[in-house]
Amino acid sequence: MSQDQNGNGTPGRDRDPEEIDHVAAEYVLGVLDAEATARCEHLMATDGVFAARVDVWRRWLAEIDQTAQPEAGADELWARIRSGIEALPREQPAPASAATARTGGAGVGTRPVRDLGRGLARLWDSLSVWRGLGLSTTAAAILMAIALVAPTRERTGTPSLVAVLISDTGTRPAALVNAYRDGRAELVPLADVAVPAGRALQVWTLWDRARGPVSVGLIDGMRSIDLAVRGLPAPDADQLFEITLEPAGGSPTGRPTGPILMKGNTVRPL
C-alpha cells in the first residue's frame, strides 16, 4: 500500500494525482477486490476528481474496444501476456521505522514503495473472464499494454487519438500509436517482430493520398519511441499508421518499398 493510499487500496488523504489515476484505471479494469471496489463506488459519488478520472478511463477503453473485431485470441498471445505480468518486479515493503517517520507515528505499519504486482496479478485472473465474455484480442492486449506501460511512464494526459496496428495476417495486434494534443505521438509495441540482419522497421503515416506516406520513425527492432510528427499537420481521425520492413538506413526512395508488417487507423476517444 503506497503512502497516499488507505488500507483498502484506494486514494487516501494525500491525494497524489498519479495514484488517483492509477486506482481509477484499476477500478475500470475490474481488478480491485470487493472492499476496494465498494470504496471506489463511494468515491465516485463523493469525489469529483476521482469520478472524472474514472470517466476518462471508461471512455478511452470503450472507444478502443469498439475499433476492433472480436477475436478468440490464440493461446500463444495469452501466454505472452501472462509471462509479461509474471516478469514484473514485485514491490518490497519499506522498513516500519521509515514509514512511521513519514507519517508522524500514525501506526500505519509498513508501506510498500509502489504496488506494481497487486493489480496486474488480479488483472491476469480476470483474463479468463474477458475471454468468456468475448472481449476482442486487440482490446485485451491494449489493456495489458496500459497496465504494463502506464505505471512506468510519466503520462501527460489521455491521448487525443489512438491507432491499433494489426499484423499483416490480420489476426494479432502488434503495436499501438498514441497521439497527444500537444503534438507528440508515440509507438508502443504489443508484439515482437523478427528483423533480419541489414534491415530495419520504418514507421509511416498517411493523411493525404496526394502527398503519400511520410516516414515518422526508423528502428532496428520493436520498442517504444516518440514518432517524428512535429512539423507535420496534426494527426486526425482515420489517419493511417503503418510499419514496413526496409533497408537498415531506411527506404532509399522516401516511400515504402518493403512489405507492410502492420497497420491501423486512428480513432478519437469520446
C-alpha atoms as a PDB file:
ATOM      1  CA  MET A   1       0.000   0.000   0.000  1.00  0.00           C
ATOM      2  CA  SER A   2       1.605   3.262  -1.035  1.00  0.00           C
ATOM      3  CA  GLN A   3       1.792   6.298   1.217  1.00  0.00           C
ATOM      4  CA  ASP A   4      -1.097   8.005  -0.480  1.00  0.00           C
ATOM      5  CA  GLN A   5      -3.452   5.034  -0.328  1.00  0.00           C
ATOM      6  CA  ASN A   6      -5.512   3.891   2.613  1.00  0.00           C
ATOM      7  CA  GLY A   7      -5.875   0.315   3.799  1.00  0.00           C
ATOM      8  CA  ASN A   8      -8.398  -0.506   1.070  1.00  0.00           C
ATOM      9  CA  GLY A   9      -6.026   0.302  -1.783  1.00  0.00           C
ATOM     10  CA  THR A  10      -7.949   3.438  -2.778  1.00  0.00           C
ATOM     11  CA  PRO A  11      -6.720   7.067  -2.794  1.00  0.00           C
ATOM     12  CA  GLY A  12      -6.093   8.362   0.728  1.00  0.00           C
ATOM     13  CA  ARG A  13      -5.866  11.763   2.238  1.00  0.00           C
ATOM     14  CA  ASP A  14      -2.632  12.750   0.449  1.00  0.00           C
ATOM     15  CA  ARG A  15      -4.480  12.617  -2.896  1.00  0.00           C
ATOM     16  CA  ASP A  16      -1.488  12.060  -5.157  1.00  0.00           C
ATOM     17  CA  PRO A  17      -2.886  12.699  -8.704  1.00  0.00           C
ATOM     18  CA  GLU A  18      -0.874   9.810 -10.155  1.00  0.00           C
ATOM     19  CA  GLU A  19      -2.208   7.414  -7.534  1.00  0.00           C
ATOM     20  CA  ILE A  20      -5.771   8.624  -8.087  1.00  0.00           C
ATOM     21  CA  ASP A  21      -5.383   7.906 -11.804  1.00  0.00           C
ATOM     22  CA  HIS A  22      -3.779   4.521 -11.118  1.00  0.00           C
ATOM     23  CA  VAL A  23      -6.641   3.410  -8.858  1.00  0.00           C
ATOM     24  CA  ALA A  24      -9.254   4.780 -11.270  1.00  0.00           C
ATOM     25  CA  ALA A  25      -7.736   2.621 -14.016  1.00  0.00           C
ATOM     26  CA  GLU A  26      -7.760  -0.463 -11.774  1.00  0.00           C
ATOM     27  CA  TYR A  27     -11.395   0.215 -10.882  1.00  0.00           C
ATOM     28  CA  VAL A  28     -12.428   0.459 -14.545  1.00  0.00           C
ATOM     29  CA  LEU A  29     -10.456  -2.695 -15.410  1.00  0.00           C
ATOM     30  CA  GLY A  30     -12.276  -4.519 -12.601  1.00  0.00           C
ATOM     31  CA  VAL A  31      -9.177  -5.807 -10.824  1.00  0.00           C
ATOM     32  CA  LEU A  32      -9.812  -4.415  -7.317  1.00  0.00           C
ATOM     33  CA  ASP A  33     -11.052  -6.628  -4.501  1.00  0.00           C
ATOM     34  CA  ALA A  34     -14.597  -6.254  -3.183  1.00  0.00           C
ATOM     35  CA  GLU A  35     -13.668  -3.870  -0.355  1.00  0.00           C
ATOM     36  CA  ALA A  36     -11.655  -1.539  -2.589  1.00  0.00           C
ATOM     37  CA  THR A  37     -14.362  -1.650  -5.260  1.00  0.00           C
ATOM     38  CA  ALA A  38     -17.006  -0.614  -2.732  1.00  0.00           C
ATOM     39  CA  ARG A  39     -14.860   2.287  -1.565  1.00  0.00           C
ATOM     40  CA  CYS A  40     -14.284   3.392  -5.163  1.00  0.00           C
ATOM     41  CA  GLU A  41     -18.022   3.378  -5.756  1.00  0.00           C
ATOM     42  CA  HIS A  42     -18.419   5.600  -2.691  1.00  0.00           C
ATOM     43  CA  LEU A  43     -15.712   7.933  -4.012  1.00  0.00           C
ATOM     44  CA  MET A  44     -17.486   8.067  -7.364  1.00  0.00           C
ATOM     45  CA  ALA A  45     -20.446   9.675  -5.602  1.00  0.00           C
ATOM     46  CA  THR A  46     -18.491  11.987  -3.297  1.00  0.00           C
ATOM     47  CA  ASP A  47     -15.219  12.867  -5.042  1.00  0.00           C
ATOM     48  CA  GLY A  48     -15.489  14.777  -8.311  1.00  0.00           C
ATOM     49  CA  VAL A  49     -11.791  14.404  -9.178  1.00  0.00           C
ATOM     50  CA  PHE A  50     -11.862  10.628  -8.814  1.00  0.00           C
ATOM     51  CA  ALA A  51     -15.169  10.368 -10.692  1.00  0.00           C
ATOM     52  CA  ALA A  52     -13.709  12.397 -13.573  1.00  0.00           C
ATOM     53  CA  ARG A  53     -10.670  10.096 -13.876  1.00  0.00           C
ATOM     54  CA  VAL A  54     -12.915   7.022 -13.873  1.00  0.00           C
ATOM     55  CA  ASP A  55     -14.986   8.589 -16.654  1.00  0.00           C
ATOM     56  CA  VAL A  56     -11.864   9.278 -18.733  1.00  0.00           C
ATOM     57  CA  TRP A  57     -10.661   5.670 -18.426  1.00  0.00           C
ATOM     58  CA  ARG A  58     -14.118   4.280 -19.236  1.00  0.00           C
ATOM     59  CA  ARG A  59     -14.451   6.400 -22.367  1.00  0.00           C
ATOM     60  CA  TRP A  60     -10.930   5.677 -23.583  1.00  0.00           C
ATOM     61  CA  LEU A  61     -11.079   1.906 -23.141  1.00  0.00           C
ATOM     62  CA  ALA A  62     -14.605   1.665 -24.561  1.00  0.00           C
ATOM     63  CA  GLU A  63     -13.576   3.563 -27.682  1.00  0.00           C
ATOM     64  CA  ILE A  64     -10.512   1.366 -28.185  1.00  0.00           C
ATOM     65  CA  ASP A  65     -12.540  -1.837 -27.899  1.00  0.00           C
ATOM     66  CA  GLN A  66     -15.067  -0.541 -30.438  1.00  0.00           C
ATOM     67  CA  THR A  67     -12.312  -0.270 -33.082  1.00  0.00           C
ATOM     68  CA  ALA A  68     -11.527  -3.995 -33.021  1.00  0.00           C
ATOM     69  CA  GLN A  69     -13.355  -7.056 -34.241  1.00  0.00           C
ATOM     70  CA  PRO A  70     -13.899  -9.778 -31.598  1.00  0.00           C
ATOM     71  CA  GLU A  71     -11.214 -12.476 -31.788  1.00  0.00           C
ATOM     72  CA  ALA A  72     -10.885 -15.548 -29.634  1.00  0.00           C
ATOM     73  CA  GLY A  73      -7.162 -14.960 -29.195  1.00  0.00           C
ATOM     74  CA  ALA A  74      -4.519 -17.632 -29.637  1.00  0.00           C
ATOM     75  CA  ASP A  75      -3.199 -19.415 -26.549  1.00  0.00           C
ATOM     76  CA  GLU A  76       0.234 -18.069 -27.505  1.00  0.00           C
ATOM     77  CA  LEU A  77      -0.968 -14.475 -27.042  1.00  0.00           C
ATOM     78  CA  TRP A  78      -2.437 -15.144 -23.606  1.00  0.00           C
ATOM     79  CA  ALA A  79       0.767 -16.951 -22.627  1.00  0.00           C
ATOM     80  CA  ARG A  80       2.831 -13.907 -23.642  1.00  0.00           C
ATOM     81  CA  ILE A  81       0.548 -11.640 -21.622  1.00  0.00           C
ATOM     82  CA  ARG A  82       0.878 -13.853 -18.569  1.00  0.00           C
ATOM     83  CA  SER A  83       4.670 -14.046 -18.969  1.00  0.00           C
ATOM     84  CA  GLY A  84       4.828 -10.265 -19.125  1.00  0.00           C
ATOM     85  CA  ILE A  85       2.922  -9.964 -15.863  1.00  0.00           C
ATOM     86  CA  GLU A  86       4.988 -12.599 -14.076  1.00  0.00           C
ATOM     87  CA  ALA A  87       8.224 -10.916 -15.184  1.00  0.00           C
ATOM     88  CA  LEU A  88       7.309  -7.648 -13.449  1.00  0.00           C
ATOM     89  CA  PRO A  89       9.159  -6.921 -10.206  1.00  0.00           C
ATOM     90  CA  ARG A  90       7.033  -7.117  -7.095  1.00  0.00           C
ATOM     91  CA  GLU A  91       7.268  -4.255  -4.641  1.00  0.00           C
ATOM     92  CA  GLN A  92       9.323  -4.535  -1.458  1.00  0.00           C
ATOM     93  CA  PRO A  93       7.951  -3.288   1.874  1.00  0.00           C
ATOM     94  CA  ALA A  94       9.639  -0.251   3.369  1.00  0.00           C
ATOM     95  CA  PRO A  95      11.022  -0.543   6.936  1.00  0.00           C
ATOM     96  CA  ALA A  96       8.374   0.145   9.567  1.00  0.00           C
ATOM     97  CA  SER A  97      10.518   2.830  11.179  1.00  0.00           C
ATOM     98  CA  ALA A  98      10.758   4.771   7.921  1.00  0.00           C
ATOM     99  CA  ALA A  99       7.011   4.521   7.376  1.00  0.00           C
ATOM    100  CA  THR A 100       6.344   5.729  10.913  1.00  0.00           C
ATOM    101  CA  ALA A 101       8.711   8.662  10.451  1.00  0.00           C
ATOM    102  CA  ARG A 102       6.887   9.745   7.292  1.00  0.00           C
ATOM    103  CA  THR A 103       3.505   9.683   8.990  1.00  0.00           C
ATOM    104  CA  GLY A 104       4.440  11.011  12.407  1.00  0.00           C
ATOM    105  CA  GLY A 105       3.847   7.682  14.144  1.00  0.00           C
ATOM    106  CA  ALA A 106       0.355   7.216  12.760  1.00  0.00           C
ATOM    107  CA  GLY A 107       0.656   3.470  13.217  1.00  0.00           C
ATOM    108  CA  VAL A 108       0.052   2.534   9.576  1.00  0.00           C
ATOM    109  CA  GLY A 109       2.687  -0.201   9.582  1.00  0.00           C
ATOM    110  CA  THR A 110       4.916  -0.985   6.602  1.00  0.00           C
ATOM    111  CA  ARG A 111       4.226   0.765   3.309  1.00  0.00           C
ATOM    112  CA  PRO A 112       5.427  -0.746   0.008  1.00  0.00           C
ATOM    113  CA  VAL A 113       7.317   1.570  -2.322  1.00  0.00           C
ATOM    114  CA  ARG A 114       4.770   1.085  -5.094  1.00  0.00           C
ATOM    115  CA  ASP A 115       2.339  -1.678  -5.962  1.00  0.00           C
ATOM    116  CA  LEU A 116       3.058  -2.915  -9.468  1.00  0.00           C
ATOM    117  CA  GLY A 117       2.158  -6.557  -8.962  1.00  0.00           C
ATOM    118  CA  ARG A 118      -1.090  -6.381  -6.979  1.00  0.00           C
ATOM    119  CA  GLY A 119      -3.407  -5.084  -9.677  1.00  0.00           C
ATOM    120  CA  LEU A 120      -1.629  -6.888 -12.504  1.00  0.00           C
ATOM    121  CA  ALA A 121      -1.969 -10.236 -10.774  1.00  0.00           C
ATOM    122  CA  ARG A 122      -5.712  -9.659 -10.410  1.00  0.00           C
ATOM    123  CA  LEU A 123      -5.786  -8.438 -13.998  1.00  0.00           C
ATOM    124  CA  TRP A 124      -4.433 -11.795 -15.141  1.00  0.00           C
ATOM    125  CA  ASP A 125      -7.047 -13.550 -13.021  1.00  0.00           C
ATOM    126  CA  SER A 126      -9.660 -11.558 -14.958  1.00  0.00           C
ATOM    127  CA  LEU A 127      -8.380 -12.608 -18.388  1.00  0.00           C
ATOM    128  CA  SER A 128     -10.346 -15.845 -18.400  1.00  0.00           C
ATOM    129  CA  VAL A 129     -13.483 -13.826 -17.692  1.00  0.00           C
ATOM    130  CA  TRP A 130     -12.678 -11.431 -20.550  1.00  0.00           C
ATOM    131  CA  ARG A 131     -12.239 -14.371 -22.919  1.00  0.00           C
ATOM    132  CA  GLY A 132     -15.561 -15.819 -21.840  1.00  0.00           C
ATOM    133  CA  LEU A 133     -17.253 -12.505 -22.491  1.00  0.00           C
ATOM    134  CA  GLY A 134     -15.791 -12.351 -25.997  1.00  0.00           C
ATOM    135  CA  LEU A 135     -13.570  -9.307 -25.413  1.00  0.00           C
ATOM    136  CA  SER A 136     -11.524  -8.761 -28.543  1.00  0.00           C
ATOM    137  CA  THR A 137      -7.917  -9.895 -28.601  1.00  0.00           C
ATOM    138  CA  THR A 138      -6.933  -6.375 -29.609  1.00  0.00           C
ATOM    139  CA  ALA A 139      -8.659  -4.797 -26.643  1.00  0.00           C
ATOM    140  CA  ALA A 140      -7.227  -7.325 -24.195  1.00  0.00           C
ATOM    141  CA  ALA A 141      -3.723  -6.689 -25.478  1.00  0.00           C
ATOM    142  CA  ILE A 142      -4.268  -2.937 -25.233  1.00  0.00           C
ATOM    143  CA  LEU A 143      -5.495  -3.254 -21.660  1.00  0.00           C
ATOM    144  CA  MET A 144      -2.343  -5.153 -20.813  1.00  0.00           C
ATOM    145  CA  ALA A 145      -0.203  -2.575 -22.599  1.00  0.00           C
ATOM    146  CA  ILE A 146      -1.819   0.134 -20.494  1.00  0.00           C
ATOM    147  CA  ALA A 147      -1.249  -1.848 -17.314  1.00  0.00           C
ATOM    148  CA  LEU A 148       2.374  -2.622 -18.169  1.00  0.00           C
ATOM    149  CA  VAL A 149       3.388   0.742 -19.600  1.00  0.00           C
ATOM    150  CA  ALA A 150       1.360   3.355 -17.752  1.00  0.00           C
ATOM    151  CA  PRO A 151       2.823   2.838 -14.257  1.00  0.00           C
ATOM    152  CA  THR A 152       6.406   3.179 -15.568  1.00  0.00           C
ATOM    153  CA  ARG A 153       5.991   6.200 -17.836  1.00  0.00           C
ATOM    154  CA  GLU A 154       5.202   9.772 -16.890  1.00  0.00           C
ATOM    155  CA  ARG A 155       1.910  10.498 -18.612  1.00  0.00           C
ATOM    156  CA  THR A 156       0.888  13.984 -19.654  1.00  0.00           C
ATOM    157  CA  GLY A 157      -2.754  13.228 -20.354  1.00  0.00           C
ATOM    158  CA  THR A 158      -5.078  10.981 -22.284  1.00  0.00           C
ATOM    159  CA  PRO A 159      -4.230  10.540 -25.989  1.00  0.00           C
ATOM    160  CA  SER A 160      -6.446  12.518 -28.323  1.00  0.00           C
ATOM    161  CA  LEU A 161      -6.100   9.781 -30.958  1.00  0.00           C
ATOM    162  CA  VAL A 162      -5.305   6.069 -30.749  1.00  0.00           C
ATOM    163  CA  ALA A 163      -4.418   3.621 -33.529  1.00  0.00           C
ATOM    164  CA  VAL A 164      -4.155  -0.148 -33.111  1.00  0.00           C
ATOM    165  CA  LEU A 165      -1.682  -1.554 -35.643  1.00  0.00           C
ATOM    166  CA  ILE A 166      -2.751  -5.044 -36.686  1.00  0.00           C
ATOM    167  CA  SER A 167      -0.211  -7.530 -38.045  1.00  0.00           C
ATOM    168  CA  ASP A 168      -0.148  -8.392 -41.723  1.00  0.00           C
ATOM    169  CA  THR A 169      -2.037 -11.620 -41.004  1.00  0.00           C
ATOM    170  CA  GLY A 170      -4.921  -9.534 -39.667  1.00  0.00           C
ATOM    171  CA  THR A 171      -5.237 -11.629 -36.514  1.00  0.00           C
ATOM    172  CA  ARG A 172      -2.904 -10.017 -33.989  1.00  0.00           C
ATOM    173  CA  PRO A 173      -2.449  -6.522 -32.529  1.00  0.00           C
ATOM    174  CA  ALA A 174       1.226  -5.685 -32.917  1.00  0.00           C
ATOM    175  CA  ALA A 175       1.583  -2.059 -31.802  1.00  0.00           C
ATOM    176  CA  LEU A 176      -0.244   0.977 -30.507  1.00  0.00           C
ATOM    177  CA  VAL A 177       0.137   4.597 -31.661  1.00  0.00           C
ATOM    178  CA  ASN A 178      -0.905   7.307 -29.207  1.00  0.00           C
ATOM    179  CA  ALA A 179      -1.202  10.909 -30.427  1.00  0.00           C
ATOM    180  CA  TYR A 180      -1.498  13.777 -27.932  1.00  0.00           C
ATOM    181  CA  ARG A 181      -2.918  17.276 -28.139  1.00  0.00           C
ATOM    182  CA  ASP A 182       0.500  18.817 -27.529  1.00  0.00           C
ATOM    183  CA  GLY A 183       1.733  17.441 -30.864  1.00  0.00           C
ATOM    184  CA  ARG A 184       3.514  14.345 -29.571  1.00  0.00           C
ATOM    185  CA  ALA A 185       2.941  10.838 -30.856  1.00  0.00           C
ATOM    186  CA  GLU A 186       4.411   7.590 -29.601  1.00  0.00           C
ATOM    187  CA  LEU A 187       4.699   3.993 -30.748  1.00  0.00           C
ATOM    188  CA  VAL A 188       4.105   1.315 -28.100  1.00  0.00           C
ATOM    189  CA  PRO A 189       4.887  -2.284 -29.180  1.00  0.00           C
ATOM    190  CA  LEU A 190       2.495  -5.081 -28.265  1.00  0.00           C
ATOM    191  CA  ALA A 191       4.356  -7.913 -30.007  1.00  0.00           C
ATOM    192  CA  ASP A 192       7.899  -8.599 -31.105  1.00  0.00           C
ATOM    193  CA  VAL A 193       8.959  -8.657 -34.755  1.00  0.00           C
ATOM    194  CA  ALA A 194      11.964 -10.548 -36.100  1.00  0.00           C
ATOM    195  CA  VAL A 195      14.126  -8.122 -38.087  1.00  0.00           C
ATOM    196  CA  PRO A 196      16.668  -9.746 -40.456  1.00  0.00           C
ATOM    197  CA  ALA A 197      20.261  -8.516 -40.485  1.00  0.00           C
ATOM    198  CA  GLY A 198      20.699  -5.419 -42.612  1.00  0.00           C
ATOM    199  CA  ARG A 199      17.045  -4.484 -42.324  1.00  0.00           C
ATOM    200  CA  ALA A 200      15.023  -2.060 -40.193  1.00  0.00           C
ATOM    201  CA  LEU A 201      11.446  -1.212 -39.313  1.00  0.00           C
ATOM    202  CA  GLN A 202      10.183   2.081 -40.730  1.00  0.00           C
ATOM    203  CA  VAL A 203       7.072   3.807 -39.394  1.00  0.00           C
ATOM    204  CA  TRP A 204       4.894   5.759 -41.833  1.00  0.00           C
ATOM    205  CA  THR A 205       1.800   7.892 -41.634  1.00  0.00           C
ATOM    206  CA  LEU A 206      -0.647   8.868 -44.367  1.00  0.00           C
ATOM    207  CA  TRP A 207      -3.098  11.754 -44.035  1.00  0.00           C
ATOM    208  CA  ASP A 208      -3.200  12.905 -47.676  1.00  0.00           C
ATOM    209  CA  ARG A 209      -3.139  10.399 -50.522  1.00  0.00           C
ATOM    210  CA  ALA A 210      -1.970  13.104 -52.903  1.00  0.00           C
ATOM    211  CA  ARG A 211       1.173  13.594 -50.821  1.00  0.00           C
ATOM    212  CA  GLY A 212       1.624   9.930 -49.981  1.00  0.00           C
ATOM    213  CA  PRO A 213       3.060   8.247 -46.884  1.00  0.00           C
ATOM    214  CA  VAL A 214       5.603  10.141 -44.780  1.00  0.00           C
ATOM    215  CA  SER A 215       8.254   8.478 -42.616  1.00  0.00           C
ATOM    216  CA  VAL A 216       7.983   9.268 -38.898  1.00  0.00           C
ATOM    217  CA  GLY A 217      10.380   6.732 -37.416  1.00  0.00           C
ATOM    218  CA  LEU A 218      13.120   4.165 -38.104  1.00  0.00           C
ATOM    219  CA  ILE A 219      14.015   1.441 -35.592  1.00  0.00           C
ATOM    220  CA  ASP A 220      16.121  -1.710 -35.597  1.00  0.00           C
ATOM    221  CA  GLY A 221      13.541  -3.639 -33.571  1.00  0.00           C
ATOM    222  CA  MET A 222      10.199  -3.253 -31.834  1.00  0.00           C
ATOM    223  CA  ARG A 223      10.470  -0.767 -28.958  1.00  0.00           C
ATOM    224  CA  SER A 224       8.671   2.295 -27.650  1.00  0.00           C
ATOM    225  CA  ILE A 225       9.692   5.502 -29.425  1.00  0.00           C
ATOM    226  CA  ASP A 226       8.482   9.045 -29.895  1.00  0.00           C
ATOM    227  CA  LEU A 227       7.420   9.491 -33.521  1.00  0.00           C
ATOM    228  CA  ALA A 228       8.769  12.392 -35.597  1.00  0.00           C
ATOM    229  CA  VAL A 229       5.431  14.074 -36.237  1.00  0.00           C
ATOM    230  CA  ARG A 230       6.305  17.626 -35.208  1.00  0.00           C
ATOM    231  CA  GLY A 231       6.230  19.937 -38.203  1.00  0.00           C
ATOM    232  CA  LEU A 232       3.592  17.769 -39.873  1.00  0.00           C
ATOM    233  CA  PRO A 233      -0.137  18.512 -39.862  1.00  0.00           C
ATOM    234  CA  ALA A 234      -1.700  17.486 -36.560  1.00  0.00           C
ATOM    235  CA  PRO A 235      -2.911  13.865 -36.720  1.00  0.00           C
ATOM    236  CA  ASP A 236      -6.616  13.466 -37.370  1.00  0.00           C
ATOM    237  CA  ALA A 237      -9.184  10.702 -37.067  1.00  0.00           C
ATOM    238  CA  ASP A 238      -8.874   7.831 -39.566  1.00  0.00           C
ATOM    239  CA  GLN A 239      -5.225   8.675 -40.279  1.00  0.00           C
ATOM    240  CA  LEU A 240      -3.164   5.661 -41.337  1.00  0.00           C
ATOM    241  CA  PHE A 241      -0.059   4.495 -39.489  1.00  0.00           C
ATOM    242  CA  GLU A 242       1.917   1.512 -40.751  1.00  0.00           C
ATOM    243  CA  ILE A 243       5.277  -0.203 -40.348  1.00  0.00           C
ATOM    244  CA  THR A 244       7.229  -1.684 -43.248  1.00  0.00           C
ATOM    245  CA  LEU A 245      10.435  -3.708 -43.492  1.00  0.00           C
ATOM    246  CA  GLU A 246      13.119  -1.583 -45.154  1.00  0.00           C
ATOM    247  CA  PRO A 247      16.918  -1.480 -45.633  1.00  0.00           C
ATOM    248  CA  ALA A 248      18.872  -0.651 -42.466  1.00  0.00           C
ATOM    249  CA  GLY A 249      19.224   3.028 -43.386  1.00  0.00           C
ATOM    250  CA  GLY A 250      15.588   3.398 -44.318  1.00  0.00           C
ATOM    251  CA  SER A 251      13.735   3.395 -47.616  1.00  0.00           C
ATOM    252  CA  PRO A 252      16.015   4.607 -50.433  1.00  0.00           C
ATOM    253  CA  THR A 253      13.087   6.294 -52.192  1.00  0.00           C
ATOM    254  CA  GLY A 254      11.452   8.087 -49.273  1.00  0.00           C
ATOM    255  CA  ARG A 255       8.387   5.907 -49.785  1.00  0.00           C
ATOM    256  CA  PRO A 256       7.605   2.392 -48.517  1.00  0.00           C
ATOM    257  CA  THR A 257       9.409  -0.248 -50.571  1.00  0.00           C
ATOM    258  CA  GLY A 258       9.184  -3.318 -48.342  1.00  0.00           C
ATOM    259  CA  PRO A 259       6.292  -5.435 -47.118  1.00  0.00           C
ATOM    260  CA  ILE A 260       3.754  -3.916 -44.727  1.00  0.00           C
ATOM    261  CA  LEU A 261       4.136  -5.682 -41.383  1.00  0.00           C
ATOM    262  CA  MET A 262       1.309  -3.921 -39.532  1.00  0.00           C
ATOM    263  CA  LYS A 263      -1.086  -1.032 -39.983  1.00  0.00           C
ATOM    264  CA  GLY A 264      -4.039   0.729 -38.407  1.00  0.00           C
ATOM    265  CA  ASN A 265      -6.099   3.918 -38.481  1.00  0.00           C
ATOM    266  CA  THR A 266      -6.558   6.420 -35.687  1.00  0.00           C
ATOM    267  CA  VAL A 267      -9.783   6.850 -33.766  1.00  0.00           C
ATOM    268  CA  ARG A 268     -10.729   9.730 -31.493  1.00  0.00           C
ATOM    269  CA  PRO A 269     -11.738   8.785 -27.923  1.00  0.00           C
ATOM    270  CA  LEU A 270     -15.114  10.111 -26.813  1.00  0.00           C
END
